[in-house]
C-alpha cells in the first residue's frame, strides 16, 4: 500500500511523503522489509521525541526527568518496561500524571499483542482529553515503539507501513522481530492482506 501522510495538517509542513510499498502477505519477507524501512529513520539524539501530536516515545531517563516531563506538559505515562518489583513510581506523586504500567519483556517470544488494545485505549483517552503522553521503555526503541505503532493502527487507522513512516521520521525505532510479526498480524486483522 503506498504511504500517504495522515498526519494532522500542522505536521504536513515537512517533506512530501514518498511512496513505500511492502508486501505484508509473507511475514518472513515482510519483517526484513520493515526492518530495512525502520533503519532509514531518524537517529536517536534525545531521550524522548514527539512522534505524533502530543505523543512521545522515550527511554527510562525521559520518564524520570521531572524537568523534561514538565517542559513537554506530560500528563500521562505508559511504561512498557514496568516491573511489579518497583510498582508505580513514586516520582510522579504530586505531578498530576496518570500512569499505566505494562510488564513486557523485549524478547522475540514475548506476546506484546495482549497489551495492544489496553495501551491504545489509554493513549487515545489521554490525547482525546488534550493530554500529552510519554510512552517509554528502557531504551525507547522496541517495546514503547511497538505500543505506539499499535495505537496508530487501532485508533488512527494507519496501516502498519504508514504508522512506521510517521514514527521513524521523528524517532529512530526498531521493534524486535517478534513484535514486528505481531504488528503484521494486527495489520492483517484491521486491513486485510495487502501490499
Protein backbone atom coordinates (compact mmCIF):
# COMPACT_ATOMS: atom_id res chain seq x y z
CA UNK A 1 0.00 0.00 0.00
CA UNK A 2 1.52 3.38 -0.94
CA UNK A 3 2.18 5.64 2.04
CA UNK A 4 0.37 8.94 2.02
CA UNK A 5 0.72 11.05 5.12
CA UNK A 6 -2.24 11.01 7.50
CA UNK A 7 -0.53 13.25 10.00
CA UNK A 8 -2.54 16.26 11.15
CA UNK A 9 -2.19 19.19 8.75
CA UNK A 10 0.16 21.11 11.04
CA UNK A 11 2.59 18.20 10.75
CA UNK A 12 2.38 18.07 6.96
CA UNK A 13 4.64 21.09 6.50
CA UNK A 14 7.54 18.68 6.22
CA UNK A 15 8.93 16.85 3.22
CA UNK A 16 6.27 15.40 0.91
CA UNK A 17 5.55 11.71 1.56
CA UNK A 18 7.31 9.20 -0.63
CA UNK A 19 5.72 6.02 -1.84
CA UNK A 20 6.59 2.99 0.24
CA UNK A 21 5.25 -0.40 -0.75
CA UNK A 22 5.82 -3.51 1.33
CA UNK A 23 4.02 -6.78 0.76
CA UNK A 24 2.87 -7.95 4.20
CA UNK A 25 1.39 -11.23 2.92
CA UNK A 26 4.65 -13.10 3.59
CA UNK A 27 5.59 -12.39 7.24
CA UNK A 28 9.21 -13.58 6.90
CA UNK A 29 9.97 -11.30 3.98
CA UNK A 30 7.84 -8.51 5.43
CA UNK A 31 9.87 -8.43 8.65
CA UNK A 32 13.09 -7.92 6.68
CA UNK A 33 11.49 -5.21 4.54
CA UNK A 34 10.07 -3.44 7.59
CA UNK A 35 13.48 -3.56 9.29
CA UNK A 36 15.03 -2.04 6.19
CA UNK A 37 12.42 0.74 6.29
CA UNK A 38 12.98 1.31 10.01
CA UNK A 39 16.74 1.63 9.51
CA UNK A 40 16.10 4.71 7.35
CA UNK A 41 14.60 6.51 10.35
CA UNK A 42 15.91 9.47 12.26
CA UNK A 43 18.88 8.86 14.55
CA UNK A 44 18.13 9.00 18.26
CA UNK A 45 19.63 12.20 19.57
CA UNK A 46 17.35 12.85 22.54
CA UNK A 47 15.81 10.88 25.36
CA UNK A 48 12.24 11.47 24.08
CA UNK A 49 10.76 12.58 20.76
CA UNK A 50 7.28 13.68 19.72
CA UNK A 51 6.20 11.14 17.10
CA UNK A 52 2.57 12.21 16.77
CA UNK A 53 1.00 15.39 18.11
CA UNK A 54 1.31 15.28 21.91
CA UNK A 55 2.55 11.67 21.82
CA UNK A 56 6.18 10.97 22.73
CA UNK A 57 8.36 7.87 22.66
CA UNK A 58 11.21 7.90 25.14
CA UNK A 59 13.62 5.99 27.31
CA UNK A 60 13.81 5.43 31.08
CA UNK A 61 15.75 8.67 31.56
CA UNK A 62 12.98 10.69 29.91
CA UNK A 63 10.43 9.16 32.28
CA UNK A 64 12.49 10.10 35.34
CA UNK A 65 13.46 13.64 34.30
CA UNK A 66 10.89 15.86 36.02
CA UNK A 67 12.08 18.98 34.19
CA UNK A 68 11.56 17.37 30.77
CA UNK A 69 8.18 15.96 31.80
CA UNK A 70 7.11 19.44 32.86
CA UNK A 71 8.61 21.08 29.74
CA UNK A 72 6.66 18.75 27.43
CA UNK A 73 3.49 19.04 29.53
CA UNK A 74 3.33 15.27 30.07
CA UNK A 75 0.04 14.29 31.72
CA UNK A 76 0.11 10.54 31.06
CA UNK A 77 2.90 7.97 31.16
CA UNK A 78 2.73 4.48 29.67
CA UNK A 79 5.68 2.43 30.88
CA UNK A 80 6.26 -0.56 28.59
CA UNK A 81 9.03 -1.83 30.91
CA UNK A 82 7.02 -1.79 34.15
CA UNK A 83 8.17 -4.11 36.90
CA UNK A 84 5.97 -5.42 39.71
CA UNK A 85 9.01 -5.22 42.00
CA UNK A 86 9.08 -1.46 41.68
CA UNK A 87 5.35 -0.84 41.22
CA UNK A 88 4.03 2.59 40.25
CA UNK A 89 6.91 5.05 40.52
CA UNK A 90 6.69 7.41 43.48
CA UNK A 91 8.43 10.04 41.36
CA UNK A 92 5.06 11.11 39.85
CA UNK A 93 3.37 11.82 43.19
CA UNK A 94 2.07 15.37 43.24
CA UNK A 95 2.65 15.83 39.49
CA UNK A 96 -0.89 15.06 38.30
CA UNK A 97 0.41 12.36 35.96
CA UNK A 98 -1.71 9.31 35.15
CA UNK A 99 0.38 6.15 34.95
CA UNK A 100 -0.09 2.82 33.24
CA UNK A 101 2.47 0.04 33.50
CA UNK A 102 2.90 -2.85 31.09
CA UNK A 103 5.21 -5.58 32.30
CA UNK A 104 6.77 -6.63 28.99
CA UNK A 105 10.00 -8.33 28.00
CA UNK A 106 11.91 -7.13 24.96
CA UNK A 107 12.04 -10.66 23.61
CA UNK A 108 11.00 -12.05 20.24
CA UNK A 109 8.95 -14.68 22.07
CA UNK A 110 7.04 -12.26 24.31
CA UNK A 111 3.41 -11.71 23.24
CA UNK A 112 3.15 -7.93 23.26
CA UNK A 113 -0.13 -8.09 21.32
CA UNK A 114 -2.06 -8.84 24.53
CA UNK A 115 -1.32 -5.24 25.53
CA UNK A 116 -2.20 -3.53 22.23
CA UNK A 117 -5.83 -2.66 22.97
CA UNK A 118 -5.39 -1.51 26.59
CA UNK A 119 -2.36 0.62 25.68
CA UNK A 120 -4.15 2.13 22.68
CA UNK A 121 -7.20 2.92 24.84
CA UNK A 122 -5.01 4.61 27.47
CA UNK A 123 -3.19 6.74 24.88
CA UNK A 124 -6.39 7.59 23.00
CA UNK A 125 -8.25 8.62 26.14
CA UNK A 126 -5.38 10.88 27.19
CA UNK A 127 -4.97 12.53 23.78
CA UNK A 128 -8.71 12.99 23.28
CA UNK A 129 -8.78 14.98 26.53
CA UNK A 130 -5.90 17.21 25.45
CA UNK A 131 -3.23 15.34 27.37
CA UNK A 132 0.42 14.79 26.47
CA UNK A 133 1.55 11.16 26.60
CA UNK A 134 5.02 9.68 27.08
CA UNK A 135 5.32 6.01 26.14
CA UNK A 136 8.65 4.68 27.32
CA UNK A 137 10.66 1.57 27.97
CA UNK A 138 14.32 1.14 28.86
CA UNK A 139 15.87 2.49 25.64
CA UNK A 140 12.79 3.76 23.79
CA UNK A 141 13.12 1.81 20.54
CA UNK A 142 11.30 -1.55 20.79
CA UNK A 143 8.63 -2.07 23.44
CA UNK A 144 7.46 1.55 23.58
CA UNK A 145 7.59 1.91 19.81
CA UNK A 146 5.53 -1.26 19.35
CA UNK A 147 2.76 0.06 21.58
CA UNK A 148 2.74 3.44 19.80
CA UNK A 149 2.58 1.74 16.38
CA UNK A 150 -0.33 -0.39 17.60
CA UNK A 151 -2.09 2.76 18.84
CA UNK A 152 -1.66 4.47 15.46
CA UNK A 153 -3.10 1.40 13.76
CA UNK A 154 -6.00 0.81 16.15
CA UNK A 155 -7.09 4.38 16.85
CA UNK A 156 -5.75 6.49 13.96
CA UNK A 157 -6.49 3.76 11.37
CA UNK A 158 -2.99 3.88 9.87
CA UNK A 159 -1.74 0.74 8.15
CA UNK A 160 1.49 -0.63 9.63
CA UNK A 161 3.73 0.87 6.93
CA UNK A 162 2.01 4.24 7.33
CA UNK A 163 2.47 4.14 11.10
CA UNK A 164 6.15 3.23 10.77
CA UNK A 165 6.71 6.05 8.26
CA UNK A 166 5.05 8.54 10.61
CA UNK A 167 7.10 7.49 13.65
CA UNK A 168 10.52 6.91 12.07
CA UNK A 169 10.72 10.46 10.74
CA UNK A 170 10.72 11.73 14.32
CA UNK A 171 12.49 8.96 16.25
CA UNK A 172 14.62 6.03 15.24
CA UNK A 173 12.82 2.92 16.44
CA UNK A 174 13.32 -0.79 15.78
CA UNK A 175 10.82 -3.18 17.37
CA UNK A 176 12.24 -6.68 17.68
CA UNK A 177 11.25 -9.26 15.04
CA UNK A 178 8.65 -10.92 17.23
CA UNK A 179 6.93 -7.58 17.81
CA UNK A 180 7.05 -6.82 14.07
CA UNK A 181 5.33 -10.15 13.35
CA UNK A 182 2.63 -9.28 15.89
CA UNK A 183 2.14 -5.87 14.25
CA UNK A 184 1.87 -7.56 10.85
CA UNK A 185 -0.89 -9.80 12.27
CA UNK A 186 -2.66 -6.72 13.63
CA UNK A 187 -2.39 -5.06 10.22
CA UNK A 188 -4.00 -8.12 8.62
CA UNK A 189 -6.81 -8.15 11.19
CA UNK A 190 -7.54 -4.46 10.67
CA UNK A 191 -6.95 -4.02 6.95
CA UNK A 192 -6.75 -7.49 5.38
CA UNK A 193 -3.78 -8.79 3.39
CA UNK A 194 -2.47 -6.08 1.07
CA UNK A 195 0.67 -4.60 -0.36
